[in-house]
């Protein structure tokens, strides 16, 4: 499935936006992390970083999302290395989203 995840997500969100009339006039940026149990020695993405969960002893993965407001429906997402600094993601997300209309048809 891996090489097709982005196109699959686009198809899912396109149907959801149309079927449930999701308002995309206001989109917010959100960043969260998930920590993992285990070693994950072969993963460059799952690594130590700032822990929102107060678990600096655990490796983590960051996920950035653009979500619809006020519903919080994820529109786009990106997986980031667990040690990605939050401050670096905001400008990158704005540049990627610049001029992008979140219309699906």
N, C-alpha and C. Protein backbone atom coordinates (compact mmCIF):
# COMPACT_ATOMS: atom_id res chain seq x y z
N UNK A 1 0.81 -1.20 0.00
CA UNK A 1 0.00 0.00 0.00
C UNK A 1 0.85 1.26 0.00
N UNK A 2 2.07 1.19 0.57
CA UNK A 2 2.86 2.39 0.80
C UNK A 2 2.97 3.33 -0.40
N UNK A 3 3.34 2.84 -1.56
CA UNK A 3 3.52 3.82 -2.64
C UNK A 3 2.23 4.50 -3.08
N UNK A 4 1.10 3.99 -2.63
CA UNK A 4 -0.19 4.53 -3.08
C UNK A 4 -0.94 5.31 -1.99
N UNK A 5 -0.35 5.48 -0.82
CA UNK A 5 -1.06 6.09 0.30
C UNK A 5 -1.57 7.49 -0.02
N UNK A 6 -0.74 8.33 -0.63
CA UNK A 6 -1.16 9.71 -0.90
C UNK A 6 -2.35 9.75 -1.87
N UNK A 7 -2.30 8.96 -2.93
CA UNK A 7 -3.43 8.96 -3.87
C UNK A 7 -4.67 8.35 -3.24
N UNK A 8 -4.49 7.35 -2.38
CA UNK A 8 -5.64 6.76 -1.68
C UNK A 8 -6.28 7.80 -0.75
N UNK A 9 -5.44 8.55 -0.01
CA UNK A 9 -5.97 9.57 0.90
C UNK A 9 -6.72 10.63 0.11
N UNK A 10 -6.17 11.06 -1.03
CA UNK A 10 -6.84 12.07 -1.85
C UNK A 10 -8.21 11.58 -2.29
N UNK A 11 -8.32 10.32 -2.67
CA UNK A 11 -9.62 9.77 -3.07
C UNK A 11 -10.59 9.73 -1.90
N UNK A 12 -10.11 9.31 -0.73
CA UNK A 12 -10.98 9.23 0.46
C UNK A 12 -11.48 10.61 0.86
N UNK A 13 -10.58 11.60 0.94
CA UNK A 13 -10.99 12.92 1.39
C UNK A 13 -11.87 13.60 0.35
N UNK A 14 -11.63 13.34 -0.93
CA UNK A 14 -12.48 13.90 -1.98
C UNK A 14 -13.92 13.43 -1.82
N UNK A 15 -14.11 12.15 -1.61
CA UNK A 15 -15.46 11.60 -1.42
C UNK A 15 -16.07 12.16 -0.14
N UNK A 16 -15.30 12.24 0.93
CA UNK A 16 -15.81 12.74 2.21
C UNK A 16 -16.25 14.20 2.09
N UNK A 17 -15.44 15.02 1.44
CA UNK A 17 -15.77 16.45 1.28
C UNK A 17 -17.07 16.59 0.51
N UNK A 18 -17.22 15.83 -0.55
CA UNK A 18 -18.44 15.92 -1.37
C UNK A 18 -19.65 15.33 -0.64
N UNK A 19 -19.50 14.15 -0.07
CA UNK A 19 -20.63 13.46 0.55
C UNK A 19 -21.13 14.16 1.81
N UNK A 20 -20.21 14.67 2.62
CA UNK A 20 -20.60 15.27 3.90
C UNK A 20 -20.54 16.79 3.89
N UNK A 21 -20.33 17.37 2.69
CA UNK A 21 -20.34 18.82 2.53
C UNK A 21 -19.40 19.49 3.53
N UNK A 22 -18.17 19.02 3.61
CA UNK A 22 -17.19 19.57 4.54
C UNK A 22 -16.75 20.95 4.05
N UNK A 23 -16.86 21.93 4.92
CA UNK A 23 -16.51 23.31 4.59
C UNK A 23 -15.00 23.47 4.64
N UNK A 24 -14.40 23.89 3.53
CA UNK A 24 -12.96 24.07 3.46
C UNK A 24 -12.57 25.54 3.38
N UNK A 25 -13.49 26.42 3.76
CA UNK A 25 -13.19 27.85 3.67
C UNK A 25 -12.20 28.29 4.76
N UNK A 26 -12.09 27.53 5.83
CA UNK A 26 -11.14 27.85 6.89
C UNK A 26 -10.40 26.56 7.26
N UNK A 27 -9.08 26.59 7.09
CA UNK A 27 -8.24 25.42 7.35
C UNK A 27 -7.16 25.81 8.35
N UNK A 28 -6.95 24.98 9.36
CA UNK A 28 -5.94 25.23 10.39
C UNK A 28 -4.84 24.17 10.30
N UNK A 29 -3.69 24.53 10.83
CA UNK A 29 -2.54 23.63 10.85
C UNK A 29 -2.41 23.02 12.24
N UNK A 30 -2.16 21.72 12.30
CA UNK A 30 -2.00 21.03 13.57
C UNK A 30 -0.79 20.12 13.49
N UNK A 31 -0.09 20.00 14.59
CA UNK A 31 1.08 19.13 14.66
C UNK A 31 0.96 18.28 15.91
N UNK A 32 1.13 16.98 15.75
CA UNK A 32 1.05 16.09 16.90
C UNK A 32 2.13 15.03 16.78
N UNK A 33 2.29 14.24 17.83
CA UNK A 33 3.29 13.17 17.79
C UNK A 33 2.71 11.92 18.43
N UNK A 34 3.30 10.80 18.06
CA UNK A 34 2.94 9.50 18.60
C UNK A 34 4.22 8.84 19.08
N UNK A 35 4.23 8.36 20.31
CA UNK A 35 5.45 7.67 20.75
C UNK A 35 5.27 6.17 20.60
N UNK A 36 6.40 5.48 20.49
CA UNK A 36 6.41 4.06 20.19
C UNK A 36 7.13 3.30 21.29
N UNK A 37 6.65 2.11 21.54
CA UNK A 37 7.33 1.16 22.42
C UNK A 37 8.22 0.29 21.54
N UNK A 38 9.37 -0.08 22.03
CA UNK A 38 10.27 -0.93 21.25
C UNK A 38 11.50 -0.18 20.78
N UNK A 39 12.37 -0.88 20.08
CA UNK A 39 13.66 -0.31 19.70
C UNK A 39 13.61 0.54 18.43
N UNK A 40 12.99 0.04 17.36
CA UNK A 40 12.93 0.72 16.07
C UNK A 40 14.31 1.18 15.62
N UNK A 41 15.27 0.27 15.68
CA UNK A 41 16.65 0.59 15.34
C UNK A 41 16.84 0.89 13.85
N UNK A 42 16.01 0.35 12.99
CA UNK A 42 16.18 0.52 11.55
C UNK A 42 15.36 1.68 10.98
N UNK A 43 14.74 2.47 11.83
CA UNK A 43 13.90 3.57 11.35
C UNK A 43 14.60 4.90 11.55
N UNK A 44 14.71 5.67 10.48
CA UNK A 44 15.25 7.02 10.59
C UNK A 44 14.17 8.00 11.05
N UNK A 45 12.92 7.69 10.76
CA UNK A 45 11.81 8.59 11.09
C UNK A 45 11.40 8.49 12.55
N UNK A 46 11.37 7.28 13.08
CA UNK A 46 10.97 7.08 14.47
C UNK A 46 12.21 7.25 15.32
N UNK A 47 12.28 8.40 16.01
CA UNK A 47 13.49 8.75 16.75
C UNK A 47 13.14 9.62 17.95
N UNK A 48 14.13 9.90 18.76
CA UNK A 48 13.92 10.75 19.93
C UNK A 48 13.77 12.20 19.51
N UNK A 49 12.93 12.93 20.22
CA UNK A 49 12.72 14.35 19.97
C UNK A 49 11.91 14.96 21.09
N UNK A 50 11.54 16.23 20.94
CA UNK A 50 10.71 16.88 21.94
C UNK A 50 9.42 16.09 22.11
N UNK A 51 9.09 15.71 23.32
CA UNK A 51 7.93 14.86 23.57
C UNK A 51 6.78 15.65 24.18
N UNK A 52 5.71 15.79 23.43
CA UNK A 52 4.49 16.43 23.95
C UNK A 52 3.84 15.56 25.03
N UNK A 53 4.15 14.27 25.00
CA UNK A 53 3.59 13.32 25.95
C UNK A 53 4.41 13.22 27.23
N UNK A 54 5.43 14.06 27.35
CA UNK A 54 6.32 14.03 28.52
C UNK A 54 7.00 12.66 28.65
N UNK A 55 7.36 12.09 27.48
CA UNK A 55 8.04 10.78 27.44
C UNK A 55 9.34 10.90 26.66
N UNK A 56 10.32 11.64 27.18
CA UNK A 56 11.59 11.77 26.45
C UNK A 56 12.35 10.46 26.31
N UNK A 57 11.91 9.43 27.05
CA UNK A 57 12.56 8.13 26.98
C UNK A 57 12.03 7.28 25.82
N UNK A 58 11.05 7.79 25.07
CA UNK A 58 10.43 7.03 23.98
C UNK A 58 10.70 7.69 22.63
N UNK A 59 10.91 6.86 21.62
CA UNK A 59 11.03 7.36 20.26
C UNK A 59 9.65 7.74 19.75
N UNK A 60 9.62 8.66 18.80
CA UNK A 60 8.33 9.15 18.32
C UNK A 60 8.35 9.47 16.84
N UNK A 61 7.18 9.73 16.31
CA UNK A 61 6.97 10.15 14.93
C UNK A 61 6.07 11.38 14.98
N UNK A 62 6.36 12.40 14.19
CA UNK A 62 5.54 13.61 14.14
C UNK A 62 4.58 13.50 12.96
N UNK A 63 3.39 14.07 13.12
CA UNK A 63 2.42 14.13 12.04
C UNK A 63 1.91 15.56 11.96
N UNK A 64 2.05 16.18 10.79
CA UNK A 64 1.49 17.51 10.58
C UNK A 64 0.23 17.36 9.73
N UNK A 65 -0.77 18.17 10.05
CA UNK A 65 -2.04 18.08 9.34
C UNK A 65 -2.63 19.45 9.09
N UNK A 66 -3.32 19.58 7.97
CA UNK A 66 -4.19 20.71 7.72
C UNK A 66 -5.59 20.17 7.94
N UNK A 67 -6.35 20.83 8.81
CA UNK A 67 -7.67 20.35 9.18
C UNK A 67 -8.72 21.42 8.91
N UNK A 68 -9.92 20.98 8.58
CA UNK A 68 -11.02 21.92 8.37
C UNK A 68 -11.49 22.45 9.71
N UNK A 69 -11.96 23.69 9.71
CA UNK A 69 -12.54 24.28 10.92
C UNK A 69 -14.00 24.60 10.66
N UNK A 70 -14.85 24.41 11.62
CA UNK A 70 -14.56 24.08 13.00
C UNK A 70 -14.52 22.58 13.28
N UNK A 71 -14.70 21.74 12.28
CA UNK A 71 -14.86 20.30 12.49
C UNK A 71 -13.58 19.54 12.80
N UNK A 72 -12.43 20.05 12.35
CA UNK A 72 -11.17 19.36 12.58
C UNK A 72 -10.98 18.12 11.73
N UNK A 73 -11.57 18.10 10.54
CA UNK A 73 -11.42 16.96 9.63
C UNK A 73 -10.06 17.08 8.93
N UNK A 74 -9.19 16.07 9.03
CA UNK A 74 -7.89 16.15 8.35
C UNK A 74 -8.06 16.20 6.83
N UNK A 75 -7.44 17.20 6.22
CA UNK A 75 -7.50 17.37 4.77
C UNK A 75 -6.22 16.87 4.13
N UNK A 76 -5.09 17.32 4.66
CA UNK A 76 -3.79 16.84 4.20
C UNK A 76 -2.97 16.45 5.42
N UNK A 77 -1.99 15.60 5.21
CA UNK A 77 -1.11 15.20 6.31
C UNK A 77 0.28 14.93 5.77
N UNK A 78 1.24 14.98 6.67
CA UNK A 78 2.61 14.62 6.32
C UNK A 78 3.27 13.98 7.53
N UNK A 79 3.95 12.88 7.31
CA UNK A 79 4.71 12.23 8.39
C UNK A 79 6.09 12.86 8.44
N UNK A 80 6.52 13.20 9.65
CA UNK A 80 7.81 13.87 9.85
C UNK A 80 8.65 13.07 10.84
N UNK A 81 9.94 13.18 10.73
CA UNK A 81 10.84 12.52 11.69
C UNK A 81 10.50 12.97 13.10
N UNK A 82 10.69 12.10 14.06
CA UNK A 82 10.36 12.37 15.45
C UNK A 82 11.16 13.50 16.08
N UNK A 83 12.26 13.88 15.47
CA UNK A 83 13.07 14.97 16.02
C UNK A 83 12.93 16.26 15.23
N UNK A 84 11.89 16.37 14.41
CA UNK A 84 11.63 17.60 13.65
C UNK A 84 11.19 18.70 14.60
N UNK A 85 11.86 19.84 14.53
CA UNK A 85 11.51 20.97 15.39
C UNK A 85 10.19 21.59 14.91
N UNK A 86 9.27 21.82 15.84
CA UNK A 86 7.97 22.39 15.50
C UNK A 86 8.08 23.68 14.70
N UNK A 87 8.97 24.55 15.11
CA UNK A 87 9.10 25.86 14.48
C UNK A 87 9.44 25.74 12.99
N UNK A 88 10.12 24.70 12.60
CA UNK A 88 10.48 24.51 11.19
C UNK A 88 9.30 24.04 10.34
N UNK A 89 8.27 23.50 10.94
CA UNK A 89 7.18 22.93 10.17
C UNK A 89 6.16 23.96 9.72
N UNK A 90 5.99 25.03 10.46
CA UNK A 90 4.95 26.00 10.17
C UNK A 90 5.20 26.70 8.83
N UNK A 91 6.39 27.23 8.65
CA UNK A 91 6.71 27.94 7.40
C UNK A 91 6.69 26.98 6.23
N UNK A 92 7.22 25.77 6.42
CA UNK A 92 7.22 24.77 5.36
C UNK A 92 5.78 24.44 4.94
N UNK A 93 4.89 24.28 5.92
CA UNK A 93 3.49 23.99 5.61
C UNK A 93 2.84 25.16 4.86
N UNK A 94 3.14 26.38 5.29
CA UNK A 94 2.57 27.56 4.61
C UNK A 94 3.04 27.63 3.17
N UNK A 95 4.32 27.34 2.94
CA UNK A 95 4.85 27.38 1.58
C UNK A 95 4.22 26.30 0.71
N UNK A 96 4.02 25.11 1.26
CA UNK A 96 3.39 24.03 0.51
C UNK A 96 1.92 24.32 0.21
N UNK A 97 1.27 25.05 1.13
CA UNK A 97 -0.15 25.34 0.99
C UNK A 97 -0.41 26.64 0.23
N UNK A 98 0.62 27.44 0.01
CA UNK A 98 0.44 28.73 -0.61
C UNK A 98 -0.22 28.60 -1.99
N UNK A 99 -1.32 29.31 -2.12
CA UNK A 99 -2.04 29.31 -3.39
C UNK A 99 -2.83 28.04 -3.66
N UNK A 100 -2.80 27.10 -2.70
CA UNK A 100 -3.52 25.83 -2.91
C UNK A 100 -4.97 26.01 -2.48
N UNK A 101 -5.87 25.69 -3.36
CA UNK A 101 -7.28 25.71 -3.01
C UNK A 101 -7.66 24.29 -2.62
N UNK A 102 -8.24 24.14 -1.47
CA UNK A 102 -8.66 22.82 -1.02
C UNK A 102 -10.04 22.51 -1.56
N UNK A 103 -10.08 22.36 -2.86
CA UNK A 103 -11.32 21.96 -3.51
C UNK A 103 -11.08 20.61 -4.14
N UNK A 104 -11.99 19.71 -3.97
CA UNK A 104 -11.86 18.36 -4.50
C UNK A 104 -13.02 18.09 -5.41
N UNK A 105 -12.74 17.81 -6.65
CA UNK A 105 -13.82 17.45 -7.58
C UNK A 105 -13.27 16.65 -8.72
